Amino acid sequence: MLLNKNQVFDLNENAPDKVLHQLYFNIEKLKHDGDSLAPEIQKNLRIIVAGGDGTDGWILGVVSDLKLAQLPPVATVPPGTGNNLPFAFGWGKKNPGTYLESVKMFLNLVKDAKEMKVDR
């Protein structure tokens, strides 16, 4: 499995603002309590959004509203068969055999992404 089930949130069940607020609250609490792994978790946090333009905008808006000193890398995956972007990645009905390898390559790129530092 490429992702742990605890790393995946269904937006039909949990709104992203609640999930991300709780996640960052928990990280800050752990850091405050002296947990040495909390800063590393925050540094390595990556967000992958599987959805269309509306979902992408929703997540990016929530991340922006958090006003974080370090923004996590956000990657978008357009899984819909009605979009042209999945086909550009070699995903979907036109190339079903390449789907898993393309997804693995994409996830590795996300894993290696760097955070952005924002001056506010």
PDB file of N, CA and C in Angstrom:
ATOM      1  N   MET A   1       0.845  -1.183   0.000  1.00  0.00           N
ATOM      2  CA  MET A   1       0.000   0.000   0.000  1.00  0.00           C
ATOM      3  C   MET A   1       0.889   1.244   0.000  1.00  0.00           C
ATOM      4  N   LEU A   2       0.528   2.223  -0.794  1.00  0.00           N
ATOM      5  CA  LEU A   2       1.323   3.433  -0.914  1.00  0.00           C
ATOM      6  C   LEU A   2       1.062   4.422   0.212  1.00  0.00           C
ATOM      7  N   LEU A   3      -0.163   4.458   0.719  1.00  0.00           N
ATOM      8  CA  LEU A   3      -0.526   5.348   1.823  1.00  0.00           C
ATOM      9  C   LEU A   3      -1.221   4.534   2.896  1.00  0.00           C
ATOM     10  N   ASN A   4      -0.999   4.926   4.144  1.00  0.00           N
ATOM     11  CA  ASN A   4      -1.671   4.308   5.271  1.00  0.00           C
ATOM     12  C   ASN A   4      -3.104   4.837   5.331  1.00  0.00           C
ATOM     13  N   LYS A   5      -4.050   4.004   5.731  1.00  0.00           N
ATOM     14  CA  LYS A   5      -5.455   4.454   5.786  1.00  0.00           C
ATOM     15  C   LYS A   5      -5.639   5.655   6.708  1.00  0.00           C
ATOM     16  N   ASN A   6      -4.753   5.835   7.687  1.00  0.00           N
ATOM     17  CA  ASN A   6      -4.832   6.984   8.588  1.00  0.00           C
ATOM     18  C   ASN A   6      -4.317   8.265   7.936  1.00  0.00           C
ATOM     19  N   GLN A   7      -3.766   8.149   6.745  1.00  0.00           N
ATOM     20  CA  GLN A   7      -3.254   9.311   6.022  1.00  0.00           C
ATOM     21  C   GLN A   7      -4.240   9.810   4.973  1.00  0.00           C
ATOM     22  N   VAL A   8      -5.372   9.146   4.839  1.00  0.00           N
ATOM     23  CA  VAL A   8      -6.335   9.472   3.796  1.00  0.00           C
ATOM     24  C   VAL A   8      -7.634   9.936   4.449  1.00  0.00           C
ATOM     25  N   PHE A   9      -8.155  11.071   3.977  1.00  0.00           N
ATOM     26  CA  PHE A   9      -9.394  11.627   4.514  1.00  0.00           C
ATOM     27  C   PHE A   9     -10.389  11.802   3.381  1.00  0.00           C
ATOM     28  N   ASP A  10     -11.575  11.267   3.566  1.00  0.00           N
ATOM     29  CA  ASP A  10     -12.652  11.391   2.597  1.00  0.00           C
ATOM     30  C   ASP A  10     -13.381  12.704   2.886  1.00  0.00           C
ATOM     31  N   LEU A  11     -13.394  13.610   1.933  1.00  0.00           N
ATOM     32  CA  LEU A  11     -14.022  14.918   2.138  1.00  0.00           C
ATOM     33  C   LEU A  11     -15.539  14.828   2.272  1.00  0.00           C
ATOM     34  N   ASN A  12     -16.118  13.692   1.937  1.00  0.00           N
ATOM     35  CA  ASN A  12     -17.543  13.493   2.197  1.00  0.00           C
ATOM     36  C   ASN A  12     -17.793  13.214   3.678  1.00  0.00           C
ATOM     37  N   GLU A  13     -16.757  12.776   4.382  1.00  0.00           N
ATOM     38  CA  GLU A  13     -16.876  12.452   5.803  1.00  0.00           C
ATOM     39  C   GLU A  13     -16.270  13.525   6.703  1.00  0.00           C
ATOM     40  N   ASN A  14     -15.188  14.157   6.261  1.00  0.00           N
ATOM     41  CA  ASN A  14     -14.464  15.147   7.067  1.00  0.00           C
ATOM     42  C   ASN A  14     -14.107  16.346   6.205  1.00  0.00           C
ATOM     43  N   ALA A  15     -14.590  17.504   6.564  1.00  0.00           N
ATOM     44  CA  ALA A  15     -14.259  18.714   5.815  1.00  0.00           C
ATOM     45  C   ALA A  15     -12.778  19.035   6.010  1.00  0.00           C
ATOM     46  N   PRO A  16     -12.100  19.506   4.971  1.00  0.00           N
ATOM     47  CA  PRO A  16     -10.659  19.732   5.071  1.00  0.00           C
ATOM     48  C   PRO A  16     -10.272  20.766   6.119  1.00  0.00           C
ATOM     49  N   ASP A  17     -11.123  21.778   6.343  1.00  0.00           N
ATOM     50  CA  ASP A  17     -10.756  22.770   7.361  1.00  0.00           C
ATOM     51  C   ASP A  17     -10.679  22.122   8.737  1.00  0.00           C
ATOM     52  N   LYS A  18     -11.615  21.243   9.051  1.00  0.00           N
ATOM     53  CA  LYS A  18     -11.592  20.556  10.349  1.00  0.00           C
ATOM     54  C   LYS A  18     -10.399  19.613  10.449  1.00  0.00           C
ATOM     55  N   VAL A  19     -10.138  18.862   9.384  1.00  0.00           N
ATOM     56  CA  VAL A  19      -9.028  17.905   9.394  1.00  0.00           C
ATOM     57  C   VAL A  19      -7.699  18.636   9.566  1.00  0.00           C
ATOM     58  N   LEU A  20      -7.469  19.677   8.771  1.00  0.00           N
ATOM     59  CA  LEU A  20      -6.181  20.378   8.824  1.00  0.00           C
ATOM     60  C   LEU A  20      -6.019  21.177  10.109  1.00  0.00           C
ATOM     61  N   HIS A  21      -7.087  21.801  10.594  1.00  0.00           N
ATOM     62  CA  HIS A  21      -6.992  22.512  11.871  1.00  0.00           C
ATOM     63  C   HIS A  21      -6.633  21.540  12.996  1.00  0.00           C
ATOM     64  N   GLN A  22      -7.292  20.384  13.019  1.00  0.00           N
ATOM     65  CA  GLN A  22      -7.019  19.393  14.060  1.00  0.00           C
ATOM     66  C   GLN A  22      -5.602  18.848  13.920  1.00  0.00           C
ATOM     67  N   LEU A  23      -5.178  18.587  12.711  1.00  0.00           N
ATOM     68  CA  LEU A  23      -3.827  18.073  12.473  1.00  0.00           C
ATOM     69  C   LEU A  23      -2.773  19.046  12.986  1.00  0.00           C
ATOM     70  N   TYR A  24      -2.902  20.315  12.600  1.00  0.00           N
ATOM     71  CA  TYR A  24      -1.901  21.298  13.038  1.00  0.00           C
ATOM     72  C   TYR A  24      -2.011  21.601  14.527  1.00  0.00           C
ATOM     73  N   PHE A  25      -3.213  21.537  15.089  1.00  0.00           N
ATOM     74  CA  PHE A  25      -3.374  21.695  16.535  1.00  0.00           C
ATOM     75  C   PHE A  25      -2.638  20.570  17.260  1.00  0.00           C
ATOM     76  N   ASN A  26      -2.812  19.336  16.772  1.00  0.00           N
ATOM     77  CA  ASN A  26      -2.143  18.192  17.401  1.00  0.00           C
ATOM     78  C   ASN A  26      -0.623  18.302  17.290  1.00  0.00           C
ATOM     79  N   ILE A  27      -0.133  18.724  16.136  1.00  0.00           N
ATOM     80  CA  ILE A  27       1.320  18.874  15.967  1.00  0.00           C
ATOM     81  C   ILE A  27       1.855  19.933  16.927  1.00  0.00           C
ATOM     82  N   GLU A  28       1.174  21.077  17.010  1.00  0.00           N
ATOM     83  CA  GLU A  28       1.637  22.139  17.909  1.00  0.00           C
ATOM     84  C   GLU A  28       1.590  21.693  19.371  1.00  0.00           C
ATOM     85  N   LYS A  29       0.555  20.937  19.739  1.00  0.00           N
ATOM     86  CA  LYS A  29       0.460  20.430  21.110  1.00  0.00           C
ATOM     87  C   LYS A  29       1.623  19.478  21.399  1.00  0.00           C
ATOM     88  N   LEU A  30       1.909  18.590  20.463  1.00  0.00           N
ATOM     89  CA  LEU A  30       3.022  17.656  20.640  1.00  0.00           C
ATOM     90  C   LEU A  30       4.354  18.401  20.760  1.00  0.00           C
ATOM     91  N   LYS A  31       4.528  19.421  19.919  1.00  0.00           N
ATOM     92  CA  LYS A  31       5.765  20.214  19.999  1.00  0.00           C
ATOM     93  C   LYS A  31       5.858  20.895  21.362  1.00  0.00           C
ATOM     94  N   HIS A  32       4.753  21.481  21.817  1.00  0.00           N
ATOM     95  CA  HIS A  32       4.719  22.163  23.113  1.00  0.00           C
ATOM     96  C   HIS A  32       5.033  21.196  24.251  1.00  0.00           C
ATOM     97  N   ASP A  33       4.577  19.940  24.110  1.00  0.00           N
ATOM     98  CA  ASP A  33       4.814  18.923  25.129  1.00  0.00           C
ATOM     99  C   ASP A  33       6.199  18.288  25.025  1.00  0.00           C
ATOM    100  N   GLY A  34       7.008  18.765  24.070  1.00  0.00           N
ATOM    101  CA  GLY A  34       8.389  18.289  23.960  1.00  0.00           C
ATOM    102  C   GLY A  34       8.596  17.062  23.091  1.00  0.00           C
ATOM    103  N   ASP A  35       7.598  16.694  22.309  1.00  0.00           N
ATOM    104  CA  ASP A  35       7.746  15.545  21.421  1.00  0.00           C
ATOM    105  C   ASP A  35       8.769  15.875  20.334  1.00  0.00           C
ATOM    106  N   SER A  36       9.847  15.137  20.287  1.00  0.00           N
ATOM    107  CA  SER A  36      10.929  15.449  19.344  1.00  0.00           C
ATOM    108  C   SER A  36      10.581  15.097  17.901  1.00  0.00           C
ATOM    109  N   LEU A  37       9.585  14.257  17.680  1.00  0.00           N
ATOM    110  CA  LEU A  37       9.201  13.892  16.312  1.00  0.00           C
ATOM    111  C   LEU A  37       8.228  14.875  15.679  1.00  0.00           C
ATOM    112  N   ALA A  38       7.531  15.660  16.490  1.00  0.00           N
ATOM    113  CA  ALA A  38       6.505  16.570  15.962  1.00  0.00           C
ATOM    114  C   ALA A  38       7.054  17.550  14.924  1.00  0.00           C
ATOM    115  N   PRO A  39       8.204  18.205  15.172  1.00  0.00           N
ATOM    116  CA  PRO A  39       8.716  19.111  14.137  1.00  0.00           C
ATOM    117  C   PRO A  39       9.081  18.377  12.839  1.00  0.00           C
ATOM    118  N   GLU A  40       9.547  17.145  12.968  1.00  0.00           N
ATOM    119  CA  GLU A  40       9.906  16.360  11.782  1.00  0.00           C
ATOM    120  C   GLU A  40       8.643  15.970  11.005  1.00  0.00           C
ATOM    121  N   ILE A  41       7.597  15.626  11.731  1.00  0.00           N
ATOM    122  CA  ILE A  41       6.320  15.308  11.082  1.00  0.00           C
ATOM    123  C   ILE A  41       5.810  16.527  10.329  1.00  0.00           C
ATOM    124  N   GLN A  42       5.864  17.690  10.969  1.00  0.00           N
ATOM    125  CA  GLN A  42       5.400  18.916  10.326  1.00  0.00           C
ATOM    126  C   GLN A  42       6.239  19.236   9.098  1.00  0.00           C
ATOM    127  N   LYS A  43       7.532  19.048   9.200  1.00  0.00           N
ATOM    128  CA  LYS A  43       8.429  19.337   8.076  1.00  0.00           C
ATOM    129  C   LYS A  43       8.162  18.420   6.890  1.00  0.00           C
ATOM    130  N   ASN A  44       7.807  17.171   7.166  1.00  0.00           N
ATOM    131  CA  ASN A  44       7.616  16.181   6.103  1.00  0.00           C
ATOM    132  C   ASN A  44       6.173  16.025   5.656  1.00  0.00           C
ATOM    133  N   LEU A  45       5.270  16.827   6.203  1.00  0.00           N
ATOM    134  CA  LEU A  45       3.863  16.744   5.835  1.00  0.00           C
ATOM    135  C   LEU A  45       3.669  17.119   4.367  1.00  0.00           C
ATOM    136  N   ARG A  46       2.922  16.302   3.647  1.00  0.00           N
ATOM    137  CA  ARG A  46       2.564  16.557   2.255  1.00  0.00           C
ATOM    138  C   ARG A  46       1.057  16.406   2.130  1.00  0.00           C
ATOM    139  N   ILE A  47       0.440  17.206   1.293  1.00  0.00           N
ATOM    140  CA  ILE A  47      -1.003  17.105   1.065  1.00  0.00           C
ATOM    141  C   ILE A  47      -1.221  16.743  -0.397  1.00  0.00           C
ATOM    142  N   ILE A  48      -1.985  15.681  -0.604  1.00  0.00           N
ATOM    143  CA  ILE A  48      -2.361  15.262  -1.955  1.00  0.00           C
ATOM    144  C   ILE A  48      -3.874  15.408  -2.062  1.00  0.00           C
ATOM    145  N   VAL A  49      -4.319  16.131  -3.064  1.00  0.00           N
ATOM    146  CA  VAL A  49      -5.740  16.382  -3.270  1.00  0.00           C
ATOM    147  C   VAL A  49      -6.175  15.613  -4.513  1.00  0.00           C
ATOM    148  N   ALA A  50      -7.106  14.684  -4.329  1.00  0.00           N
ATOM    149  CA  ALA A  50      -7.657  13.947  -5.464  1.00  0.00           C
ATOM    150  C   ALA A  50      -9.037  14.528  -5.753  1.00  0.00           C
ATOM    151  N   GLY A  51      -9.123  15.280  -6.822  1.00  0.00           N
ATOM    152  CA  GLY A  51     -10.396  15.897  -7.177  1.00  0.00           C
ATOM    153  C   GLY A  51     -10.220  16.890  -8.299  1.00  0.00           C
ATOM    154  N   GLY A  52     -11.275  17.587  -8.574  1.00  0.00           N
ATOM    155  CA  GLY A  52     -11.263  18.577  -9.645  1.00  0.00           C
ATOM    156  C   GLY A  52     -10.879  19.955  -9.144  1.00  0.00           C
ATOM    157  N   ASP A  53     -11.135  20.951  -9.976  1.00  0.00           N
ATOM    158  CA  ASP A  53     -10.757  22.327  -9.655  1.00  0.00           C
ATOM    159  C   ASP A  53     -11.396  22.823  -8.364  1.00  0.00           C
ATOM    160  N   GLY A  54     -12.654  22.485  -8.140  1.00  0.00           N
ATOM    161  CA  GLY A  54     -13.345  22.934  -6.943  1.00  0.00           C
ATOM    162  C   GLY A  54     -12.712  22.375  -5.677  1.00  0.00           C
ATOM    163  N   THR A  55     -12.371  21.098  -5.696  1.00  0.00           N
ATOM    164  CA  THR A  55     -11.735  20.459  -4.542  1.00  0.00           C
ATOM    165  C   THR A  55     -10.357  21.055  -4.314  1.00  0.00           C
ATOM    166  N   ASP A  56      -9.607  21.251  -5.394  1.00  0.00           N
ATOM    167  CA  ASP A  56      -8.269  21.847  -5.284  1.00  0.00           C
ATOM    168  C   ASP A  56      -8.350  23.234  -4.656  1.00  0.00           C
ATOM    169  N   GLY A  57      -9.270  24.053  -5.159  1.00  0.00           N
ATOM    170  CA  GLY A  57      -9.426  25.405  -4.627  1.00  0.00           C
ATOM    171  C   GLY A  57      -9.837  25.398  -3.166  1.00  0.00           C
ATOM    172  N   TRP A  58     -10.689  24.457  -2.796  1.00  0.00           N
ATOM    173  CA  TRP A  58     -11.145  24.324  -1.419  1.00  0.00           C
ATOM    174  C   TRP A  58      -9.963  24.050  -0.493  1.00  0.00           C
ATOM    175  N   ILE A  59      -9.141  23.075  -0.847  1.00  0.00           N
ATOM    176  CA  ILE A  59      -7.988  22.702  -0.013  1.00  0.00           C
ATOM    177  C   ILE A  59      -6.981  23.841   0.041  1.00  0.00           C
ATOM    178  N   LEU A  60      -6.673  24.437  -1.109  1.00  0.00           N
ATOM    179  CA  LEU A  60      -5.694  25.528  -1.124  1.00  0.00           C
ATOM    180  C   LEU A  60      -6.185  26.714  -0.297  1.00  0.00           C
ATOM    181  N   GLY A  61      -7.485  26.972  -0.327  1.00  0.00           N
ATOM    182  CA  GLY A  61      -8.052  28.039   0.494  1.00  0.00           C
ATOM    183  C   GLY A  61      -7.903  27.749   1.977  1.00  0.00           C
ATOM    184  N   VAL A  62      -8.154  26.508   2.370  1.00  0.00           N
ATOM    185  CA  VAL A  62      -8.012  26.114   3.780  1.00  0.00           C
ATOM    186  C   VAL A  62      -6.562  26.244   4.216  1.00  0.00           C
ATOM    187  N   VAL A  63      -5.638  25.765   3.399  1.00  0.00           N
ATOM    188  CA  VAL A  63      -4.208  25.864   3.736  1.00  0.00           C
ATOM    189  C   VAL A  63      -3.806  27.326   3.878  1.00  0.00           C
ATOM    190  N   SER A  64      -4.288  28.168   2.979  1.00  0.00           N
ATOM    191  CA  SER A  64      -3.984  29.602   3.046  1.00  0.00           C
ATOM    192  C   SER A  64      -4.551  30.221   4.315  1.00  0.00           C
ATOM    193  N   ASP A  65      -5.778  29.844   4.670  1.00  0.00           N
ATOM    194  CA  ASP A  65      -6.424  30.390   5.863  1.00  0.00           C
ATOM    195  C   ASP A  65      -5.707  30.010   7.160  1.00  0.00           C
ATOM    196  N   LEU A  66      -4.953  28.912   7.139  1.00  0.00           N
ATOM    197  CA  LEU A  66      -4.222  28.491   8.335  1.00  0.00           C
ATOM    198  C   LEU A  66      -3.075  29.451   8.677  1.00  0.00           C
ATOM    199  N   LYS A  67      -2.635  30.247   7.670  1.00  0.00           N
ATOM    200  CA  LYS A  67      -1.564  31.239   7.863  1.00  0.00           C
ATOM    201  C   LYS A  67      -0.330  30.618   8.520  1.00  0.00           C
ATOM    202  N   LEU A  68       0.126  29.511   7.934  1.00  0.00           N
ATOM    203  CA  LEU A  68       1.283  28.793   8.438  1.00  0.00           C
ATOM    204  C   LEU A  68       2.570  29.489   8.020  1.00  0.00           C
ATOM    205  N   ALA A  69       3.586  29.430   8.860  1.00  0.00           N
ATOM    206  CA  ALA A  69       4.893  29.990   8.513  1.00  0.00           C
ATOM    207  C   ALA A  69       5.528  29.169   7.392  1.00  0.00           C
ATOM    208  N   GLN A  70       5.278  27.858   7.383  1.00  0.00           N
ATOM    209  CA  GLN A  70       5.797  26.980   6.337  1.00  0.00           C
ATOM    210  C   GLN A  70       4.614  26.248   5.715  1.00  0.00           C
ATOM    211  N   LEU A  71       4.349  26.540   4.462  1.00  0.00           N
ATOM    212  CA  LEU A  71       3.255  25.868   3.772  1.00  0.00           C
ATOM    213  C   LEU A  71       3.695  24.476   3.337  1.00  0.00           C
ATOM    214  N   PRO A  72       2.850  23.482   3.557  1.00  0.00           N
ATOM    215  CA  PRO A  72       3.208  22.140   3.088  1.00  0.00           C
ATOM    216  C   PRO A  72       3.046  22.067   1.574  1.00  0.00           C
ATOM    217  N   PRO A  73       3.848  21.246   0.921  1.00  0.00           N
ATOM    218  CA  PRO A  73       3.615  21.035  -0.511  1.00  0.00           C
ATOM    219  C   PRO A  73       2.230  20.442  -0.725  1.00  0.00           C
ATOM    220  N   VAL A  74       1.516  20.960  -1.711  1.00  0.00           N
ATOM    221  CA  VAL A  74       0.187  20.456  -2.050  1.00  0.00           C
ATOM    222  C   VAL A  74       0.242  19.981  -3.495  1.00  0.00           C
ATOM    223  N   ALA A  75      -0.101  18.716  -3.699  1.00  0.00           N
ATOM    224  CA  ALA A  75      -0.125  18.140  -5.041  1.00  0.00           C
ATOM    225  C   ALA A  75      -1.558  17.787  -5.378  1.00  0.00           C
ATOM    226  N   THR A  76      -1.934  17.997  -6.616  1.00  0.00           N
ATOM    227  CA  THR A  76      -3.291  17.667  -7.029  1.00  0.00           C
ATOM    228  C   THR A  76      -3.278  16.490  -7.990  1.00  0.00           C
ATOM    229  N   VAL A  77      -4.234  15.592  -7.791  1.00  0.00           N
ATOM    230  CA  VAL A  77      -4.410  14.429  -8.657  1.00  0.00           C
ATOM    231  C   VAL A  77      -5.817  14.512  -9.222  1.00  0.00           C
ATOM    232  N   PRO A  78      -5.938  14.719 -10.528  1.00  0.00           N
ATOM    233  CA  PRO A  78      -7.270  14.797 -11.129  1.00  0.00           C
ATOM    234  C   PRO A  78      -7.715  13.409 -11.599  1.00  0.00           C
ATOM    235  N   PRO A  79      -8.387  12.631 -10.733  1.00  0.00           N
ATOM    236  CA  PRO A  79      -8.712  11.259 -11.102  1.00  0.00           C
ATOM    237  C   PRO A  79      -9.879  11.112 -12.065  1.00  0.00           C
ATOM    238  N   GLY A  80     -10.633  12.154 -12.277  1.00  0.00           N
ATOM    239  CA  GLY A  80     -11.830  12.070 -13.109  1.00  0.00           C
ATOM    240  C   GLY A  80     -11.531  11.714 -14.554  1.00  0.00           C
ATOM    241  N   THR A  81     -12.349  10.863 -15.115  1.00  0.00           N
ATOM    242  CA  THR A  81     -12.143  10.458 -16.507  1.00  0.00           C
ATOM    243  C   THR A  81     -12.579  11.539 -17.475  1.00  0.00           C
ATOM    244  N   GLY A  82     -13.306  12.551 -16.988  1.00  0.00           N
ATOM    245  CA  GLY A  82     -13.736  13.641 -17.862  1.00  0.00           C
ATOM    246  C   GLY A  82     -12.688  14.719 -18.022  1.00  0.00           C
ATOM    247  N   ASN A  83     -11.595  14.624 -17.280  1.00  0.00           N
ATOM    248  CA  ASN A  83     -10.529  15.623 -17.356  1.00  0.00           C
ATOM    249  C   ASN A  83      -9.448  15.175 -18.330  1.00  0.00           C
ATOM    250  N   ASN A  84      -8.799  16.120 -18.967  1.00  0.00           N
ATOM    251  CA  ASN A  84      -7.695  15.775 -19.852  1.00  0.00           C
ATOM    252  C   ASN A  84      -6.387  15.566 -19.092  1.00  0.00           C
ATOM    253  N   LEU A  85      -6.264  16.200 -17.929  1.00  0.00           N
ATOM    254  CA  LEU A  85      -5.019  16.108 -17.180  1.00  0.00           C
ATOM    255  C   LEU A  85      -4.636  14.678 -16.795  1.00  0.00           C
ATOM    256  N   PRO A  86      -5.575  13.795 -16.379  1.00  0.00           N
ATOM    257  CA  PRO A  86      -5.161  12.432 -16.057  1.00  0.00           C
ATOM    258  C   PRO A  86      -4.509  11.733 -17.244  1.00  0.00           C
ATOM    259  N   PHE A  87      -5.029  12.013 -18.433  1.00  0.00           N
ATOM    260  CA  PHE A  87      -4.468  11.371 -19.616  1.00  0.00           C
ATOM    261  C   PHE A  87      -3.060  11.880 -19.915  1.00  0.00           C
ATOM    262  N   ALA A  88      -2.785  13.133 -19.559  1.00  0.00           N
ATOM    263  CA  ALA A  88      -1.436  13.669 -19.742  1.00  0.00           C
ATOM    264  C   ALA A  88      -0.441  12.932 -18.848  1.00  0.00           C
ATOM    265  N   PHE A  89      -0.926  12.442 -17.691  1.00  0.00           N
ATOM    266  CA  PHE A  89      -0.080  11.654 -16.793  1.00  0.00           C
ATOM    267  C   PHE A  89      -0.029  10.191 -17.221  1.00  0.00           C
ATOM    268  N   GLY A  90      -0.821   9.816 -18.240  1.00  0.00           N
ATOM    269  CA  GLY A  90      -0.881   8.425 -18.657  1.00  0.00           C
ATOM    270  C   GLY A  90      -1.841   7.610 -17.827  1.00  0.00           C
ATOM    271  N   TRP A  91      -2.820   8.268 -17.173  1.00  0.00           N
ATOM    272  CA  TRP A  91      -3.769   7.569 -16.316  1.00  0.00           C
ATOM    273  C   TRP A  91      -5.097   7.437 -17.041  1.00  0.00           C
ATOM    274  N   GLY A  92      -5.896   6.527 -16.588  1.00  0.00           N
ATOM    275  CA  GLY A  92      -7.265   6.443 -17.056  1.00  0.00           C
ATOM    276  C   GLY A  92      -7.490   5.349 -18.076  1.00  0.00           C
ATOM    277  N   LYS A  93      -8.638   5.431 -18.733  1.00  0.00           N
ATOM    278  CA  LYS A  93      -9.088   4.375 -19.630  1.00  0.00           C
ATOM    279  C   LYS A  93      -8.182   4.203 -20.848  1.00  0.00           C
ATOM    280  N   LYS A  94      -7.545   5.273 -21.288  1.00  0.00           N
ATOM    281  CA  LYS A  94      -6.735   5.181 -22.501  1.00  0.00           C
ATOM    282  C   LYS A  94      -5.469   4.355 -22.269  1.00  0.00           C
ATOM    283  N   ASN A  95      -4.927   4.374 -21.051  1.00  0.00           N
ATOM    284  CA  ASN A  95      -3.694   3.651 -20.741  1.00  0.00           C
ATOM    285  C   ASN A  95      -3.810   2.941 -19.388  1.00  0.00           C
ATOM    286  N   PRO A  96      -4.744   2.002 -19.230  1.00  0.00           N
ATOM    287  CA  PRO A  96      -4.973   1.422 -17.906  1.00  0.00           C
ATOM    288  C   PRO A  96      -3.759   0.701 -17.343  1.00  0.00           C
ATOM    289  N   GLY A  97      -2.907   0.152 -18.144  1.00  0.00           N
ATOM    290  CA  GLY A  97      -1.738  -0.583 -17.656  1.00  0.00           C
ATOM    291  C   GLY A  97      -0.678   0.312 -17.036  1.00  0.00           C
ATOM    292  N   THR A  98      -0.683   1.588 -17.359  1.00  0.00           N
ATOM    293  CA  THR A  98       0.338   2.504 -16.842  1.00  0.00           C
ATOM    294  C   THR A  98      -0.110   3.218 -15.581  1.00  0.00           C
ATOM    295  N   TYR A  99      -1.338   3.014 -15.157  1.00  0.00           N
ATOM    296  CA  TYR A  99      -1.900   3.764 -14.044  1.00  0.00           C
ATOM    297  C   TYR A  99      -1.100   3.589 -12.759  1.00  0.00           C
ATOM    298  N   LEU A 100      -0.861   2.362 -12.321  1.00  0.00           N
ATOM    299  CA  LEU A 100      -0.185   2.124 -11.055  1.00  0.00           C
ATOM    300  C   LEU A 100       1.232   2.687 -11.071  1.00  0.00           C
ATOM    301  N   GLU A 101       1.963   2.470 -12.128  1.00  0.00           N
ATOM    302  CA  GLU A 101       3.334   2.991 -12.197  1.00  0.00           C
ATOM    303  C   GLU A 101       3.354   4.515 -12.213  1.00  0.00           C
ATOM    304  N   SER A 102       2.408   5.128 -12.911  1.00  0.00           N
ATOM    305  CA  SER A 102       2.325   6.588 -12.933  1.00  0.00           C
ATOM    306  C   SER A 102       2.008   7.143 -11.558  1.00  0.00           C
ATOM    307  N   VAL A 103       1.093   6.478 -10.838  1.00  0.00           N
ATOM    308  CA  VAL A 103       0.734   6.923  -9.502  1.00  0.00           C
ATOM    309  C   VAL A 103       1.923   6.784  -8.563  1.00  0.00           C
ATOM    310  N   LYS A 104       2.646   5.671  -8.640  1.00  0.00           N
ATOM    311  CA  LYS A 104       3.835   5.481  -7.795  1.00  0.00           C
ATOM    312  C   LYS A 104       4.866   6.581  -8.066  1.00  0.00           C
ATOM    313  N   MET A 105       5.106   6.886  -9.337  1.00  0.00           N
ATOM    314  CA  MET A 105       6.062   7.931  -9.694  1.00  0.00           C
ATOM    315  C   MET A 105       5.589   9.278  -9.146  1.00  0.00           C
ATOM    316  N   PHE A 106       4.303   9.568  -9.292  1.00  0.00           N
ATOM    317  CA  PHE A 106       3.743  10.819  -8.789  1.00  0.00           C
ATOM    318  C   PHE A 106       3.928  10.925  -7.277  1.00  0.00           C
ATOM    319  N   LEU A 107       3.602   9.864  -6.539  1.00  0.00           N
ATOM    320  CA  LEU A 107       3.733   9.884  -5.083  1.00  0.00           C
ATOM    321  C   LEU A 107       5.187  10.070  -4.653  1.00  0.00           C
ATOM    322  N   ASN A 108       6.120   9.500  -5.393  1.00  0.00           N
ATOM    323  CA  ASN A 108       7.539   9.712  -5.076  1.00  0.00           C
ATOM    324  C   ASN A 108       7.933  11.175  -5.288  1.00  0.00           C
ATOM    325  N   LEU A 109       7.401  11.798  -6.323  1.00  0.00           N
ATOM    326  CA  LEU A 109       7.674  13.214  -6.542  1.00  0.00           C
ATOM    327  C   LEU A 109       7.115  14.054  -5.403  1.00  0.00           C
ATOM    328  N   VAL A 110       5.909  13.704  -4.941  1.00  0.00           N
ATOM    329  CA  VAL A 110       5.297  14.422  -3.816  1.00  0.00           C
ATOM    330  C   VAL A 110       6.138  14.227  -2.560  1.00  0.00           C
ATOM    331  N   LYS A 111       6.578  13.006  -2.330  1.00  0.00           N
ATOM    332  CA  LYS A 111       7.386  12.703  -1.139  1.00  0.00           C
ATOM    333  C   LYS A 111       8.649  13.555  -1.113  1.00  0.00           C
ATOM    334  N   ASP A 112       9.234  13.796  -2.262  1.00  0.00           N
ATOM    335  CA  ASP A 112      10.483  14.548  -2.344  1.00  0.00           C
ATOM    336  C   ASP A 112      10.283  16.057  -2.452  1.00  0.00           C
ATOM    337  N   ALA A 113       9.042  16.511  -2.478  1.00  0.00           N
ATOM    338  CA  ALA A 113       8.758  17.952  -2.599  1.00  0.00           C
ATOM    339  C   ALA A 113       9.263  18.697  -1.382  1.00  0.00           C
ATOM    340  N   LYS A 114       9.582  19.938  -1.568  1.00  0.00           N
ATOM    341  CA  LYS A 114      10.084  20.812  -0.483  1.00  0.00           C
ATOM    342  C   LYS A 114       8.990  21.747  -0.036  1.00  0.00           C
ATOM    343  N   GLU A 115       9.034  22.097   1.252  1.00  0.00           N
ATOM    344  CA  GLU A 115       8.057  23.059   1.769  1.00  0.00           C
ATOM    345  C   GLU A 115       8.420  24.468   1.332  1.00  0.00           C
ATOM    346  N   MET A 116       7.416  25.330   1.338  1.00  0.00           N
ATOM    347  CA  MET A 116       7.634  26.727   0.985  1.00  0.00           C
ATOM    348  C   MET A 116       7.642  27.549   2.256  1.00  0.00           C
ATOM    349  N   LYS A 117       8.575  28.464   2.358  1.00  0.00           N
ATOM    350  CA  LYS A 117       8.590  29.396   3.486  1.00  0.00           C
ATOM    351  C   LYS A 117       7.933  30.686   3.023  1.00  0.00           C
ATOM    352  N   VAL A 118       7.006  31.168   3.822  1.00  0.00           N
ATOM    353  CA  VAL A 118       6.235  32.334   3.430  1.00  0.00           C
ATOM    354  C   VAL A 118       6.490  33.447   4.447  1.00  0.00           C
ATOM    355  N   ASP A 119       6.836  34.622   3.933  1.00  0.00           N
ATOM    356  CA  ASP A 119       6.974  35.794   4.793  1.00  0.00           C
ATOM    357  C   ASP A 119       5.632  36.504   4.816  1.00  0.00           C
ATOM    358  N   ARG A 120       5.077  36.675   6.017  1.00  0.00           N
ATOM    359  CA  ARG A 120       3.770  37.334   6.125  1.00  0.00           C
ATOM    360  C   ARG A 120       3.920  38.639   6.844  1.00  0.00           C
TER     361      ARG A 120
END
